[in-house]
Amino acid sequence: MLAKRIIPCLDVHAGRVTRGVQFGRAEEGALRDVGDPVGLAARYNEEGADELVFYDITASVEGRKTLLDVLRAVSDRCFIPLTAGGGVRTADDIREMLLAGADKVSVNTAALANPDLIRAGAERFGSQCIVLSVDVRRTGSESWRVFSHGGRRPTEWEVLDWAGKGVDLGVGEVVCNSIDCDGMKSGYDEALIRILADALPVPVVASGGAGKIEDFGEVFLSGHADAALAAGMFHSGEVSIPEVKGYLRTRGIPVRM
């Protein structure tokens, strides 16, 4: 078994890291300020995070590009792989984010509108640089609908169909964000992650719902995830990355210490 990755996530709005519940909207006052992205990036780098994710969570909704100055500042303090996303609409946008310090670029809303963005990015920069971020809501016992624009707009896609198309077009990794579980601290949607992980030939990252240290073990063992992303519990200091990795080792789950 390959080493499992623990990935803290910086959801950035107006230059600050924020936290919400079930993709709460900034305009509705549903986001809570939790800190400076540069300081948090330095902390996670020191704690031994395997990677770091930087999402400009309102860039697509506001029709603008990612805050590249903030991304550059985060990259300067981060010496682990860095994935960045938000407002990516063209292959040139991907190039700008890579030049600003990202190792991988996450695509979501624009790829749903123009799937060829994935192909263009993969052909120009390599599949290892292109991550498909998928935001979903459960619609049945084993069905999930894909949403765009930060979880605001439903699409025609079922999660496995869209993720599979993304892989066919060239993505090297899929991050699946459960809107239902986001911020609820009730655990990851293991059934959702398992369906994707068992069907796709690329790594699948679980996102949404981590609330206690045991949730990581369950999504790796039962959900078959390759990596687990979390935000609020790390930002608040409830659980540290070394504590999570120590726990996983006691469960026989390989991690990089």
C-alpha atoms as a PDB file:
ATOM      1  CA  MET A   1       0.000   0.000   0.000  1.00  0.00           C
ATOM      2  CA  LEU A   2       1.341   3.424  -0.961  1.00  0.00           C
ATOM      3  CA  ALA A   3       1.722   6.019   1.781  1.00  0.00           C
ATOM      4  CA  LYS A   4      -1.498   7.928   2.383  1.00  0.00           C
ATOM      5  CA  ARG A   5      -1.375  11.724   2.206  1.00  0.00           C
ATOM      6  CA  ILE A   6      -2.731  14.232   4.732  1.00  0.00           C
ATOM      7  CA  ILE A   7      -3.564  17.548   3.078  1.00  0.00           C
ATOM      8  CA  PRO A   8      -4.676  20.715   4.887  1.00  0.00           C
ATOM      9  CA  CYS A   9      -6.752  23.106   2.803  1.00  0.00           C
ATOM     10  CA  LEU A  10      -6.725  26.901   2.767  1.00  0.00           C
ATOM     11  CA  ASP A  11     -10.108  28.237   1.593  1.00  0.00           C
ATOM     12  CA  VAL A  12      -9.230  31.846   0.839  1.00  0.00           C
ATOM     13  CA  HIS A  13     -11.695  34.716   0.526  1.00  0.00           C
ATOM     14  CA  ALA A  14     -10.533  38.337   0.228  1.00  0.00           C
ATOM     15  CA  GLY A  15      -7.002  37.314   1.136  1.00  0.00           C
ATOM     16  CA  ARG A  16      -7.927  35.513   4.378  1.00  0.00           C
ATOM     17  CA  VAL A  17      -8.489  31.853   5.207  1.00  0.00           C
ATOM     18  CA  THR A  18     -12.149  31.204   6.006  1.00  0.00           C
ATOM     19  CA  ARG A  19     -14.349  28.323   7.124  1.00  0.00           C
ATOM     20  CA  GLY A  20     -18.009  27.678   6.463  1.00  0.00           C
ATOM     21  CA  VAL A  21     -20.565  24.883   6.614  1.00  0.00           C
ATOM     22  CA  GLN A  22     -21.920  23.140   3.501  1.00  0.00           C
ATOM     23  CA  PHE A  23     -20.289  25.695   1.225  1.00  0.00           C
ATOM     24  CA  GLY A  24     -21.787  28.689   3.067  1.00  0.00           C
ATOM     25  CA  ARG A  25     -21.618  31.924   1.096  1.00  0.00           C
ATOM     26  CA  ALA A  26     -19.555  34.963   1.925  1.00  0.00           C
ATOM     27  CA  GLU A  27     -22.352  37.320   0.896  1.00  0.00           C
ATOM     28  CA  GLU A  28     -24.644  35.674   3.442  1.00  0.00           C
ATOM     29  CA  GLY A  29     -22.146  36.067   6.268  1.00  0.00           C
ATOM     30  CA  ALA A  30     -21.662  32.308   6.514  1.00  0.00           C
ATOM     31  CA  LEU A  31     -17.859  32.346   6.396  1.00  0.00           C
ATOM     32  CA  ARG A  32     -15.696  32.673   9.497  1.00  0.00           C
ATOM     33  CA  ASP A  33     -12.213  34.192   9.375  1.00  0.00           C
ATOM     34  CA  VAL A  34      -9.674  31.716  10.750  1.00  0.00           C
ATOM     35  CA  GLY A  35      -6.334  33.225   9.881  1.00  0.00           C
ATOM     36  CA  ASP A  36      -3.590  34.406   7.587  1.00  0.00           C
ATOM     37  CA  PRO A  37      -2.872  32.029   4.680  1.00  0.00           C
ATOM     38  CA  VAL A  38       0.879  32.641   4.774  1.00  0.00           C
ATOM     39  CA  GLY A  39       1.151  31.903   8.485  1.00  0.00           C
ATOM     40  CA  LEU A  40      -0.968  28.773   8.186  1.00  0.00           C
ATOM     41  CA  ALA A  41       1.057  27.557   5.206  1.00  0.00           C
ATOM     42  CA  ALA A  42       4.268  27.911   7.213  1.00  0.00           C
ATOM     43  CA  ARG A  43       2.732  26.034  10.129  1.00  0.00           C
ATOM     44  CA  TYR A  44       1.565  23.107   8.023  1.00  0.00           C
ATOM     45  CA  ASN A  45       4.902  22.949   6.280  1.00  0.00           C
ATOM     46  CA  GLU A  46       6.609  22.613   9.660  1.00  0.00           C
ATOM     47  CA  GLU A  47       4.073  20.074  10.975  1.00  0.00           C
ATOM     48  CA  GLY A  48       4.783  17.639   8.144  1.00  0.00           C
ATOM     49  CA  ALA A  49       1.767  17.971   5.881  1.00  0.00           C
ATOM     50  CA  ASP A  50       2.235  15.943   2.718  1.00  0.00           C
ATOM     51  CA  GLU A  51       0.743  18.641   0.513  1.00  0.00           C
ATOM     52  CA  LEU A  52      -1.166  21.911   0.789  1.00  0.00           C
ATOM     53  CA  VAL A  53      -4.238  23.063  -1.123  1.00  0.00           C
ATOM     54  CA  PHE A  54      -5.019  26.747  -1.788  1.00  0.00           C
ATOM     55  CA  TYR A  55      -8.536  27.509  -3.052  1.00  0.00           C
ATOM     56  CA  ASP A  56      -9.668  31.027  -3.920  1.00  0.00           C
ATOM     57  CA  ILE A  57     -13.262  30.072  -3.158  1.00  0.00           C
ATOM     58  CA  THR A  58     -15.053  33.071  -4.686  1.00  0.00           C
ATOM     59  CA  ALA A  59     -12.967  33.624  -7.832  1.00  0.00           C
ATOM     60  CA  SER A  60     -15.297  31.672 -10.159  1.00  0.00           C
ATOM     61  CA  VAL A  61     -18.452  33.203  -8.695  1.00  0.00           C
ATOM     62  CA  GLU A  62     -16.995  36.702  -9.053  1.00  0.00           C
ATOM     63  CA  GLY A  63     -15.695  35.987 -12.566  1.00  0.00           C
ATOM     64  CA  ARG A  64     -12.075  36.813 -11.787  1.00  0.00           C
ATOM     65  CA  LYS A  65      -8.705  35.103 -11.613  1.00  0.00           C
ATOM     66  CA  THR A  66      -7.099  33.710  -8.483  1.00  0.00           C
ATOM     67  CA  LEU A  67      -5.364  36.171  -6.134  1.00  0.00           C
ATOM     68  CA  LEU A  68      -1.878  35.470  -7.476  1.00  0.00           C
ATOM     69  CA  ASP A  69      -0.104  37.764  -5.011  1.00  0.00           C
ATOM     70  CA  VAL A  70      -1.512  35.763  -2.096  1.00  0.00           C
ATOM     71  CA  LEU A  71      -0.631  32.506  -3.851  1.00  0.00           C
ATOM     72  CA  ARG A  72       2.957  33.686  -4.348  1.00  0.00           C
ATOM     73  CA  ALA A  73       3.265  34.622  -0.682  1.00  0.00           C
ATOM     74  CA  VAL A  74       1.961  31.197   0.361  1.00  0.00           C
ATOM     75  CA  SER A  75       4.335  29.460  -2.043  1.00  0.00           C
ATOM     76  CA  ASP A  76       7.297  31.326  -0.580  1.00  0.00           C
ATOM     77  CA  ARG A  77       6.616  29.724   2.828  1.00  0.00           C
ATOM     78  CA  CYS A  78       5.578  26.306   1.569  1.00  0.00           C
ATOM     79  CA  PHE A  79       8.172  23.660   0.692  1.00  0.00           C
ATOM     80  CA  ILE A  80       5.733  20.818   0.103  1.00  0.00           C
ATOM     81  CA  PRO A  81       3.622  20.222  -3.045  1.00  0.00           C
ATOM     82  CA  LEU A  82       1.086  23.011  -3.474  1.00  0.00           C
ATOM     83  CA  THR A  83      -2.199  22.721  -5.372  1.00  0.00           C
ATOM     84  CA  ALA A  84      -4.029  25.937  -6.268  1.00  0.00           C
ATOM     85  CA  GLY A  85      -7.493  26.524  -7.691  1.00  0.00           C
ATOM     86  CA  GLY A  86     -10.154  29.141  -8.257  1.00  0.00           C
ATOM     87  CA  GLY A  87     -11.068  31.130 -11.347  1.00  0.00           C
ATOM     88  CA  VAL A  88      -9.112  28.942 -13.776  1.00  0.00           C
ATOM     89  CA  ARG A  89     -10.641  29.377 -17.223  1.00  0.00           C
ATOM     90  CA  THR A  90      -7.831  28.900 -19.752  1.00  0.00           C
ATOM     91  CA  ALA A  91      -4.534  27.089 -20.176  1.00  0.00           C
ATOM     92  CA  ASP A  92      -2.838  30.475 -19.762  1.00  0.00           C
ATOM     93  CA  ASP A  93      -4.485  30.786 -16.333  1.00  0.00           C
ATOM     94  CA  ILE A  94      -2.976  27.422 -15.429  1.00  0.00           C
ATOM     95  CA  ARG A  95       0.424  28.680 -16.569  1.00  0.00           C
ATOM     96  CA  GLU A  96       0.100  31.809 -14.405  1.00  0.00           C
ATOM     97  CA  MET A  97      -0.669  29.749 -11.323  1.00  0.00           C
ATOM     98  CA  LEU A  98       2.233  27.391 -11.946  1.00  0.00           C
ATOM     99  CA  LEU A  99       4.549  30.378 -12.355  1.00  0.00           C
ATOM    100  CA  ALA A 100       3.157  31.818  -9.098  1.00  0.00           C
ATOM    101  CA  GLY A 101       4.366  28.726  -7.254  1.00  0.00           C
ATOM    102  CA  ALA A 102       1.706  26.039  -7.625  1.00  0.00           C
ATOM    103  CA  ASP A 103       2.857  22.500  -8.387  1.00  0.00           C
ATOM    104  CA  LYS A 104      -0.634  21.423  -9.447  1.00  0.00           C
ATOM    105  CA  VAL A 105      -3.667  23.398 -10.594  1.00  0.00           C
ATOM    106  CA  SER A 106      -7.231  22.483  -9.712  1.00  0.00           C
ATOM    107  CA  VAL A 107     -10.027  22.989 -12.258  1.00  0.00           C
ATOM    108  CA  ASN A 108     -13.741  22.873 -11.518  1.00  0.00           C
ATOM    109  CA  THR A 109     -16.432  25.271 -12.781  1.00  0.00           C
ATOM    110  CA  ALA A 110     -14.725  26.283 -16.024  1.00  0.00           C
ATOM    111  CA  ALA A 111     -13.994  22.646 -16.878  1.00  0.00           C
ATOM    112  CA  LEU A 112     -17.700  21.839 -16.544  1.00  0.00           C
ATOM    113  CA  ALA A 113     -18.497  24.614 -19.008  1.00  0.00           C
ATOM    114  CA  ASN A 114     -15.588  23.710 -21.296  1.00  0.00           C
ATOM    115  CA  PRO A 115     -14.195  20.206 -20.718  1.00  0.00           C
ATOM    116  CA  ASP A 116     -11.503  20.806 -23.328  1.00  0.00           C
ATOM    117  CA  LEU A 117      -9.783  22.989 -20.706  1.00  0.00           C
ATOM    118  CA  ILE A 118      -8.672  19.738 -19.083  1.00  0.00           C
ATOM    119  CA  ARG A 119      -7.230  18.362 -22.309  1.00  0.00           C
ATOM    120  CA  ALA A 120      -5.462  21.634 -23.093  1.00  0.00           C
ATOM    121  CA  GLY A 121      -3.923  21.813 -19.632  1.00  0.00           C
ATOM    122  CA  ALA A 122      -2.816  18.183 -19.617  1.00  0.00           C
ATOM    123  CA  GLU A 123      -1.273  18.396 -23.076  1.00  0.00           C
ATOM    124  CA  ARG A 124       0.556  21.623 -22.300  1.00  0.00           C
ATOM    125  CA  PHE A 125       1.730  20.965 -18.738  1.00  0.00           C
ATOM    126  CA  GLY A 126       1.264  17.229 -18.138  1.00  0.00           C
ATOM    127  CA  SER A 127      -1.481  15.278 -16.383  1.00  0.00           C
ATOM    128  CA  GLN A 128       0.484  15.390 -13.120  1.00  0.00           C
ATOM    129  CA  CYS A 129      -0.234  19.141 -12.977  1.00  0.00           C
ATOM    130  CA  ILE A 130      -4.001  18.957 -13.509  1.00  0.00           C
ATOM    131  CA  VAL A 131      -6.403  18.157 -10.651  1.00  0.00           C
ATOM    132  CA  LEU A 132     -10.160  17.831 -11.118  1.00  0.00           C
ATOM    133  CA  SER A 133     -12.070  19.221  -8.146  1.00  0.00           C
ATOM    134  CA  VAL A 134     -15.651  17.916  -7.998  1.00  0.00           C
ATOM    135  CA  ASP A 135     -18.326  19.402  -5.706  1.00  0.00           C
ATOM    136  CA  VAL A 136     -21.271  17.058  -5.141  1.00  0.00           C
ATOM    137  CA  ARG A 137     -24.533  16.627  -3.249  1.00  0.00           C
ATOM    138  CA  ARG A 138     -26.095  13.251  -2.520  1.00  0.00           C
ATOM    139  CA  THR A 139     -29.320  12.637  -4.459  1.00  0.00           C
ATOM    140  CA  GLY A 140     -29.893   8.974  -3.543  1.00  0.00           C
ATOM    141  CA  SER A 141     -28.394   6.027  -1.716  1.00  0.00           C
ATOM    142  CA  GLU A 142     -25.627   5.713  -4.312  1.00  0.00           C
ATOM    143  CA  SER A 143     -26.007   8.787  -6.487  1.00  0.00           C
ATOM    144  CA  TRP A 144     -24.436  12.231  -6.267  1.00  0.00           C
ATOM    145  CA  ARG A 145     -25.055  15.295  -8.423  1.00  0.00           C
ATOM    146  CA  VAL A 146     -22.160  17.526  -9.495  1.00  0.00           C
ATOM    147  CA  PHE A 147     -22.474  21.251  -8.742  1.00  0.00           C
ATOM    148  CA  SER A 148     -20.589  24.244 -10.159  1.00  0.00           C
ATOM    149  CA  HIS A 149     -19.852  27.799  -9.001  1.00  0.00           C
ATOM    150  CA  GLY A 150     -18.810  26.885  -5.497  1.00  0.00           C
ATOM    151  CA  GLY A 151     -21.701  24.480  -4.947  1.00  0.00           C
ATOM    152  CA  ARG A 152     -24.328  26.969  -6.076  1.00  0.00           C
ATOM    153  CA  ARG A 153     -25.512  25.536  -9.404  1.00  0.00           C
ATOM    154  CA  PRO A 154     -26.542  21.933 -10.145  1.00  0.00           C
ATOM    155  CA  THR A 155     -25.291  20.394 -13.377  1.00  0.00           C
ATOM    156  CA  GLU A 156     -26.492  17.462 -15.466  1.00  0.00           C
ATOM    157  CA  TRP A 157     -23.552  15.317 -14.374  1.00  0.00           C
ATOM    158  CA  GLU A 158     -23.489  12.369 -11.999  1.00  0.00           C
ATOM    159  CA  VAL A 159     -20.229  12.242 -10.076  1.00  0.00           C
ATOM    160  CA  LEU A 160     -18.772   9.055 -11.556  1.00  0.00           C
ATOM    161  CA  ASP A 161     -19.625  10.084 -15.123  1.00  0.00           C
ATOM    162  CA  TRP A 162     -17.983  13.485 -14.740  1.00  0.00           C
ATOM    163  CA  ALA A 163     -14.922  12.217 -12.894  1.00  0.00           C
ATOM    164  CA  GLY A 164     -14.481   9.480 -15.501  1.00  0.00           C
ATOM    165  CA  LYS A 165     -14.669  12.015 -18.320  1.00  0.00           C
ATOM    166  CA  GLY A 166     -12.077  14.139 -16.534  1.00  0.00           C
ATOM    167  CA  VAL A 167      -9.708  11.188 -16.373  1.00  0.00           C
ATOM    168  CA  ASP A 168     -10.284  10.456 -20.064  1.00  0.00           C
ATOM    169  CA  LEU A 169      -9.396  14.063 -20.856  1.00  0.00           C
ATOM    170  CA  GLY A 170      -6.172  13.894 -18.856  1.00  0.00           C
ATOM    171  CA  VAL A 171      -6.535  14.819 -15.177  1.00  0.00           C
ATOM    172  CA  GLY A 172      -3.979  13.187 -12.922  1.00  0.00           C
ATOM    173  CA  GLU A 173      -5.976  13.335  -9.688  1.00  0.00           C
ATOM    174  CA  VAL A 174      -9.577  13.824  -8.515  1.00  0.00           C
ATOM    175  CA  VAL A 175     -10.570  15.701  -5.353  1.00  0.00           C
ATOM    176  CA  CYS A 176     -14.154  14.951  -4.354  1.00  0.00           C
ATOM    177  CA  ASN A 177     -15.801  17.538  -2.098  1.00  0.00           C
ATOM    178  CA  SER A 178     -18.997  16.480  -0.328  1.00  0.00           C
ATOM    179  CA  ILE A 179     -21.182  19.566   0.079  1.00  0.00           C
ATOM    180  CA  ASP A 180     -23.447  17.642   2.478  1.00  0.00           C
ATOM    181  CA  CYS A 181     -20.547  16.807   4.796  1.00  0.00           C
ATOM    182  CA  ASP A 182     -18.611  20.071   4.489  1.00  0.00           C
ATOM    183  CA  GLY A 183     -17.999  21.580   7.921  1.00  0.00           C
ATOM    184  CA  MET A 184     -20.356  19.132   9.633  1.00  0.00           C
ATOM    185  CA  LYS A 185     -17.560  17.170  11.395  1.00  0.00           C
ATOM    186  CA  SER A 186     -19.540  13.953  10.956  1.00  0.00           C
ATOM    187  CA  GLY A 187     -16.931  12.105   8.906  1.00  0.00           C
ATOM    188  CA  TYR A 188     -16.208  11.756   5.214  1.00  0.00           C
ATOM    189  CA  ASP A 189     -18.768  10.290   2.818  1.00  0.00           C
ATOM    190  CA  GLU A 190     -16.990   6.932   2.592  1.00  0.00           C
ATOM    191  CA  ALA A 191     -19.442   5.423   0.101  1.00  0.00           C
ATOM    192  CA  LEU A 192     -18.887   8.318  -2.293  1.00  0.00           C
ATOM    193  CA  ILE A 193     -15.112   8.082  -2.078  1.00  0.00           C
ATOM    194  CA  ARG A 194     -15.122   4.279  -2.380  1.00  0.00           C
ATOM    195  CA  ILE A 195     -17.179   4.361  -5.590  1.00  0.00           C
ATOM    196  CA  LEU A 196     -14.724   6.804  -7.158  1.00  0.00           C
ATOM    197  CA  ALA A 197     -11.559   5.164  -5.831  1.00  0.00           C
ATOM    198  CA  ASP A 198     -12.622   1.722  -7.019  1.00  0.00           C
ATOM    199  CA  ALA A 199     -13.555   2.970 -10.507  1.00  0.00           C
ATOM    200  CA  LEU A 200     -10.861   5.509 -11.374  1.00  0.00           C
ATOM    201  CA  PRO A 201      -7.239   4.787 -12.355  1.00  0.00           C
ATOM    202  CA  VAL A 202      -5.949   8.006 -10.742  1.00  0.00           C
ATOM    203  CA  PRO A 203      -5.593   9.014  -7.062  1.00  0.00           C
ATOM    204  CA  VAL A 204      -8.790  10.113  -5.309  1.00  0.00           C
ATOM    205  CA  VAL A 205      -8.682  12.679  -2.497  1.00  0.00           C
ATOM    206  CA  ALA A 206     -11.507  12.733   0.070  1.00  0.00           C
ATOM    207  CA  SER A 207     -12.749  16.153   1.124  1.00  0.00           C
ATOM    208  CA  GLY A 208     -15.526  17.326   3.435  1.00  0.00           C
ATOM    209  CA  GLY A 209     -16.541  16.122   6.874  1.00  0.00           C
ATOM    210  CA  ALA A 210     -13.414  15.437   8.927  1.00  0.00           C
ATOM    211  CA  GLY A 211     -14.254  16.056  12.574  1.00  0.00           C
ATOM    212  CA  LYS A 212     -12.168  13.621  14.590  1.00  0.00           C
ATOM    213  CA  ILE A 213      -8.955  11.731  14.166  1.00  0.00           C
ATOM    214  CA  GLU A 214     -10.721   8.413  13.517  1.00  0.00           C
ATOM    215  CA  ASP A 215     -12.359   9.813  10.380  1.00  0.00           C
ATOM    216  CA  PHE A 216      -9.031   9.674   8.569  1.00  0.00           C
ATOM    217  CA  GLY A 217      -8.548   6.003   9.310  1.00  0.00           C
ATOM    218  CA  GLU A 218     -12.060   5.138   8.137  1.00  0.00           C
ATOM    219  CA  VAL A 219     -11.829   6.957   4.811  1.00  0.00           C
ATOM    220  CA  PHE A 220      -8.528   5.232   4.048  1.00  0.00           C
ATOM    221  CA  LEU A 221      -9.635   1.745   5.123  1.00  0.00           C
ATOM    222  CA  SER A 222     -13.325   1.795   4.156  1.00  0.00           C
ATOM    223  CA  GLY A 223     -13.379   4.547   1.553  1.00  0.00           C
ATOM    224  CA  HIS A 224     -10.162   3.492  -0.187  1.00  0.00           C
ATOM    225  CA  ALA A 225      -9.013   7.120  -0.518  1.00  0.00           C
ATOM    226  CA  ASP A 226      -5.455   7.886  -1.578  1.00  0.00           C
ATOM    227  CA  ALA A 227      -5.404  11.118   0.420  1.00  0.00           C
ATOM    228  CA  ALA A 228      -7.611  13.030   2.838  1.00  0.00           C
ATOM    229  CA  LEU A 229      -8.118  16.779   2.844  1.00  0.00           C
ATOM    230  CA  ALA A 230      -9.233  18.703   5.923  1.00  0.00           C
ATOM    231  CA  ALA A 231      -9.445  22.322   7.003  1.00  0.00           C
ATOM    232  CA  GLY A 232     -11.344  23.429  10.099  1.00  0.00           C
ATOM    233  CA  MET A 233     -10.018  20.854  12.552  1.00  0.00           C
ATOM    234  CA  PHE A 234      -6.437  21.661  11.562  1.00  0.00           C
ATOM    235  CA  HIS A 235      -6.927  25.441  11.544  1.00  0.00           C
ATOM    236  CA  SER A 236      -8.454  25.404  15.022  1.00  0.00           C
ATOM    237  CA  GLY A 237      -5.706  23.217  16.456  1.00  0.00           C
ATOM    238  CA  GLU A 238      -8.187  20.554  17.603  1.00  0.00           C
ATOM    239  CA  VAL A 239      -5.962  17.945  15.967  1.00  0.00           C
ATOM    240  CA  SER A 240      -2.459  18.299  14.552  1.00  0.00           C
ATOM    241  CA  ILE A 241      -1.043  16.607  11.493  1.00  0.00           C
ATOM    242  CA  PRO A 242       1.550  14.652  13.542  1.00  0.00           C
ATOM    243  CA  GLU A 243      -1.274  13.364  15.756  1.00  0.00           C
ATOM    244  CA  VAL A 244      -3.246  12.183  12.730  1.00  0.00           C
ATOM    245  CA  LYS A 245      -0.229  10.431  11.250  1.00  0.00           C
ATOM    246  CA  GLY A 246       0.654   8.807  14.558  1.00  0.00           C
ATOM    247  CA  TYR A 247      -2.881   7.472  14.866  1.00  0.00           C
ATOM    248  CA  LEU A 248      -2.862   6.140  11.298  1.00  0.00           C
ATOM    249  CA  ARG A 249       0.338   4.225  11.956  1.00  0.00           C
ATOM    250  CA  THR A 250      -1.328   2.477  14.900  1.00  0.00           C
ATOM    251  CA  ARG A 251      -4.029   1.331  12.441  1.00  0.00           C
ATOM    252  CA  GLY A 252      -1.406  -0.078  10.077  1.00  0.00           C
ATOM    253  CA  ILE A 253      -1.951   2.670   7.510  1.00  0.00           C
ATOM    254  CA  PRO A 254       1.330   3.783   5.888  1.00  0.00           C
ATOM    255  CA  VAL A 255       2.120   7.510   6.116  1.00  0.00           C
ATOM    256  CA  ARG A 256       5.220   9.652   5.687  1.00  0.00           C
ATOM    257  CA  MET A 257       6.489  10.773   9.089  1.00  0.00           C
END
